[in-house]
Amino acid sequence: MQRNTYTLDHWEDRSGHRLTWKFGYRGTAGEFGRIEVVYPSSRHGDRHVTEVRGDTVPVTSFMGWAYGRKPSLYIAELSVGGAGIRLKRNRWAQTRAGRALRMQVAGREYRYVATSARHRDRALIRNGVEVRTLRHGSGARKKATFTVLGPADATDLALAAVMCGVNTRNLTRAGAVRAFFARSLQWLDIFQ
């Protein structure tokens, strides 16, 4: 089975007002060329957008309820190459496999699943291909590493990359509990 590893470096642009700050990952992913993840690339009220662009990858964006700087899975929308993609997940499932985010892109079924209790370990899985994502490091040394198993294409890599700029804590039970309380406190405006 084919196995490739690509690493994107974290970057920040803190120029101007804090509401215009941008964050993300960028680098070169072998034959896929340059890839850049930007979050939030734009804001729409209480919703943030993460966007992926690159040499060969389709423009991919994920919009969801703001959770920190990233969009969350709550009220989420995904777009790949300008086409809207329907997202499905069982928020009441007890296992990580049951809580996986499901989507169908270009006629292919995908699952985005937590591979450990840590919120940094994730995998994008479709028939015959798996893209494992690990976000590691801190500060200026933050990185996102993709381990690609199987004959992946640019769409697979774009989907895995955009999810690096999304808060996916809800894919684990403990993360869902933390996100619920954080969202409840935000709705109550306790800290405003």
Protein backbone atom coordinates (compact mmCIF):
# COMPACT_ATOMS: atom_id res chain seq x y z
CA MET A 1 0.00 0.00 0.00
CA GLN A 2 1.23 3.47 -0.87
CA ARG A 3 2.30 5.59 2.09
CA ASN A 4 3.28 9.27 1.91
CA THR A 5 3.80 11.85 4.63
CA TYR A 6 3.40 15.61 4.20
CA THR A 7 3.91 18.34 6.80
CA LEU A 8 2.43 21.84 6.77
CA ASP A 9 3.82 24.58 9.03
CA HIS A 10 1.62 26.81 11.16
CA TRP A 11 1.53 30.54 10.34
CA GLU A 12 -0.13 33.63 11.80
CA ASP A 13 -0.88 37.12 10.55
CA ARG A 14 -1.67 39.36 13.52
CA SER A 15 -1.55 42.66 11.65
CA GLY A 16 -4.38 45.13 12.11
CA HIS A 17 -7.40 44.74 14.37
CA ARG A 18 -7.75 41.38 16.16
CA LEU A 19 -10.93 40.60 14.20
CA THR A 20 -8.86 40.60 10.99
CA TRP A 21 -6.13 38.26 12.29
CA LYS A 22 -5.58 35.13 10.21
CA PHE A 23 -4.07 31.77 11.15
CA GLY A 24 -3.44 28.50 9.37
CA TYR A 25 -1.03 26.01 7.89
CA ARG A 26 0.97 26.11 4.66
CA GLY A 27 3.56 24.07 2.88
CA THR A 28 4.27 21.73 -0.01
CA ALA A 29 2.64 18.31 -0.24
CA GLY A 30 4.72 16.42 -2.79
CA GLU A 31 3.01 16.06 -6.17
CA PHE A 32 0.01 18.10 -4.92
CA GLY A 33 2.17 21.24 -4.73
CA ARG A 34 1.57 24.13 -2.34
CA ILE A 35 -1.37 23.98 0.06
CA GLU A 36 -2.57 26.76 2.35
CA VAL A 37 -5.19 26.52 5.10
CA VAL A 38 -6.61 29.87 6.36
CA TYR A 39 -8.88 30.35 9.38
CA PRO A 40 -10.93 32.40 9.72
CA SER A 41 -10.72 33.37 6.05
CA SER A 42 -13.95 35.31 6.59
CA ARG A 43 -16.63 35.87 9.20
CA HIS A 44 -20.39 35.90 8.76
CA GLY A 45 -21.90 37.05 12.04
CA ASP A 46 -21.34 34.26 14.57
CA ARG A 47 -20.00 31.92 11.89
CA HIS A 48 -16.38 31.53 10.76
CA VAL A 49 -15.03 30.13 7.50
CA THR A 50 -11.89 28.01 7.03
CA GLU A 51 -10.60 27.81 3.48
CA VAL A 52 -8.03 25.66 1.64
CA ARG A 53 -6.35 26.72 -1.60
CA GLY A 54 -3.43 25.27 -3.48
CA ASP A 55 -1.74 24.42 -6.73
CA THR A 56 -3.78 21.30 -7.53
CA VAL A 57 -6.32 20.97 -4.71
CA PRO A 58 -9.89 22.20 -5.27
CA VAL A 59 -10.87 25.32 -3.31
CA THR A 60 -12.51 23.91 -0.20
CA SER A 61 -14.29 25.86 2.54
CA PHE A 62 -15.94 24.94 5.82
CA MET A 63 -18.32 27.33 7.59
CA GLY A 64 -19.68 26.76 11.08
CA TRP A 65 -20.56 28.37 14.39
CA ALA A 66 -17.48 30.15 15.74
CA TYR A 67 -15.61 28.32 18.50
CA GLY A 68 -12.55 30.42 19.22
CA ARG A 69 -10.87 31.26 15.92
CA LYS A 70 -12.17 28.18 14.10
CA PRO A 71 -15.60 27.13 12.91
CA SER A 72 -17.19 24.22 14.76
CA LEU A 73 -19.33 21.32 13.54
CA TYR A 74 -22.43 23.12 14.82
CA ILE A 75 -24.58 24.50 11.96
CA ALA A 76 -21.80 23.56 9.52
CA GLU A 77 -21.56 23.81 5.73
CA LEU A 78 -18.87 22.36 3.48
CA SER A 79 -18.07 23.40 -0.09
CA VAL A 80 -15.63 21.61 -2.42
CA GLY A 81 -14.87 23.29 -5.74
CA GLY A 82 -17.96 25.47 -5.36
CA ALA A 83 -20.34 22.52 -4.80
CA GLY A 84 -22.17 22.34 -1.47
CA ILE A 85 -21.68 19.07 0.42
CA ARG A 86 -24.16 17.63 2.90
CA LEU A 87 -22.66 16.73 6.28
CA LYS A 88 -24.11 14.06 8.56
CA ARG A 89 -23.18 12.92 12.04
CA ASN A 90 -24.81 11.21 15.00
CA ARG A 91 -24.21 13.55 17.91
CA TRP A 92 -25.75 11.06 20.35
CA ALA A 93 -23.48 8.11 19.44
CA GLN A 94 -21.34 6.73 22.25
CA THR A 95 -18.30 5.61 20.22
CA ARG A 96 -15.86 7.66 18.16
CA ALA A 97 -16.74 5.61 15.07
CA GLY A 98 -20.43 6.35 15.63
CA ARG A 99 -19.76 10.08 16.09
CA ALA A 100 -17.84 10.34 12.78
CA LEU A 101 -18.62 13.15 10.36
CA ARG A 102 -19.97 11.64 7.12
CA MET A 103 -20.02 13.29 3.71
CA GLN A 104 -20.32 12.37 0.05
CA VAL A 105 -17.97 14.22 -2.31
CA ALA A 106 -17.71 13.52 -6.06
CA GLY A 107 -19.67 10.27 -5.62
CA ARG A 108 -17.35 8.96 -2.88
CA GLU A 109 -18.39 8.30 0.73
CA TYR A 110 -16.08 9.78 3.37
CA ARG A 111 -15.87 9.48 7.15
CA TYR A 112 -13.88 11.91 9.29
CA VAL A 113 -13.26 10.23 12.63
CA ALA A 114 -11.33 10.82 15.86
CA THR A 115 -8.59 8.20 16.10
CA SER A 116 -7.87 8.85 19.77
CA ALA A 117 -9.36 10.74 22.70
CA ARG A 118 -6.97 13.62 21.96
CA HIS A 119 -8.47 16.28 19.72
CA ARG A 120 -5.35 16.43 17.53
CA ASP A 121 -5.54 12.90 16.07
CA ARG A 122 -8.04 12.47 13.24
CA ALA A 123 -8.47 10.42 10.04
CA LEU A 124 -10.33 10.98 6.78
CA ILE A 125 -11.37 7.59 5.41
CA ARG A 126 -12.86 6.48 2.11
CA ASN A 127 -12.78 3.16 0.30
CA GLY A 128 -9.09 2.30 -0.21
CA VAL A 129 -7.69 5.60 1.12
CA GLU A 130 -6.97 6.93 4.59
CA VAL A 131 -5.47 10.33 5.41
CA ARG A 132 -4.34 10.48 9.05
CA THR A 133 -3.90 13.94 10.50
CA LEU A 134 -1.74 14.82 13.50
CA ARG A 135 -1.41 18.38 14.75
CA HIS A 136 1.61 18.76 17.01
CA GLY A 137 4.01 21.27 18.47
CA SER A 138 3.31 24.60 20.09
CA GLY A 139 3.82 28.25 19.30
CA ALA A 140 5.94 28.89 16.21
CA ARG A 141 6.74 25.17 15.93
CA LYS A 142 3.13 24.03 15.37
CA LYS A 143 2.71 21.65 12.45
CA ALA A 144 0.05 19.52 10.78
CA THR A 145 1.30 16.17 9.49
CA PHE A 146 -0.71 14.12 6.99
CA THR A 147 0.05 10.43 6.58
CA VAL A 148 -1.61 9.25 3.37
CA LEU A 149 -2.31 5.54 2.97
CA GLY A 150 -3.46 4.43 -0.48
CA PRO A 151 -3.88 6.22 -3.83
CA ALA A 152 -5.15 9.58 -2.56
CA ASP A 153 -6.01 12.46 -4.87
CA ALA A 154 -6.17 16.24 -4.46
CA THR A 155 -9.76 16.15 -3.15
CA ASP A 156 -8.78 13.76 -0.35
CA LEU A 157 -5.94 16.03 0.72
CA ALA A 158 -8.09 19.18 0.50
CA LEU A 159 -10.76 17.65 2.76
CA ALA A 160 -8.19 16.53 5.34
CA ALA A 161 -6.49 19.94 5.24
CA VAL A 162 -9.68 21.98 5.69
CA MET A 163 -10.56 19.92 8.77
CA CYS A 164 -7.28 21.07 10.39
CA GLY A 165 -8.88 24.51 10.58
CA VAL A 166 -12.13 23.25 12.13
CA ASN A 167 -12.86 22.61 15.80
CA THR A 168 -13.74 18.91 15.78
CA ARG A 169 -13.87 18.25 19.52
CA ASN A 170 -17.47 17.00 19.11
CA LEU A 171 -16.14 13.84 17.47
CA THR A 172 -15.37 12.51 20.97
CA ARG A 173 -17.83 12.27 23.89
CA ALA A 174 -15.62 14.29 26.25
CA GLY A 175 -15.07 16.97 23.62
CA ALA A 176 -18.82 17.17 22.97
CA VAL A 177 -19.49 17.77 26.67
CA ARG A 178 -16.89 20.56 26.81
CA ALA A 179 -18.24 22.15 23.63
CA PHE A 180 -21.83 21.99 24.95
CA PHE A 181 -20.95 23.85 28.14
CA ALA A 182 -18.81 26.41 26.30
CA ARG A 183 -21.62 27.07 23.80
CA SER A 184 -24.19 27.33 26.63
CA LEU A 185 -22.08 29.88 28.46
CA GLN A 186 -21.59 31.83 25.25
CA TRP A 187 -25.34 31.89 24.61
CA LEU A 188 -25.97 33.13 28.14
CA ASP A 189 -23.41 35.92 27.65
CA ILE A 190 -21.99 35.27 31.11
CA PHE A 191 -18.57 36.65 30.19
CA GLN A 192 -19.75 39.68 28.22
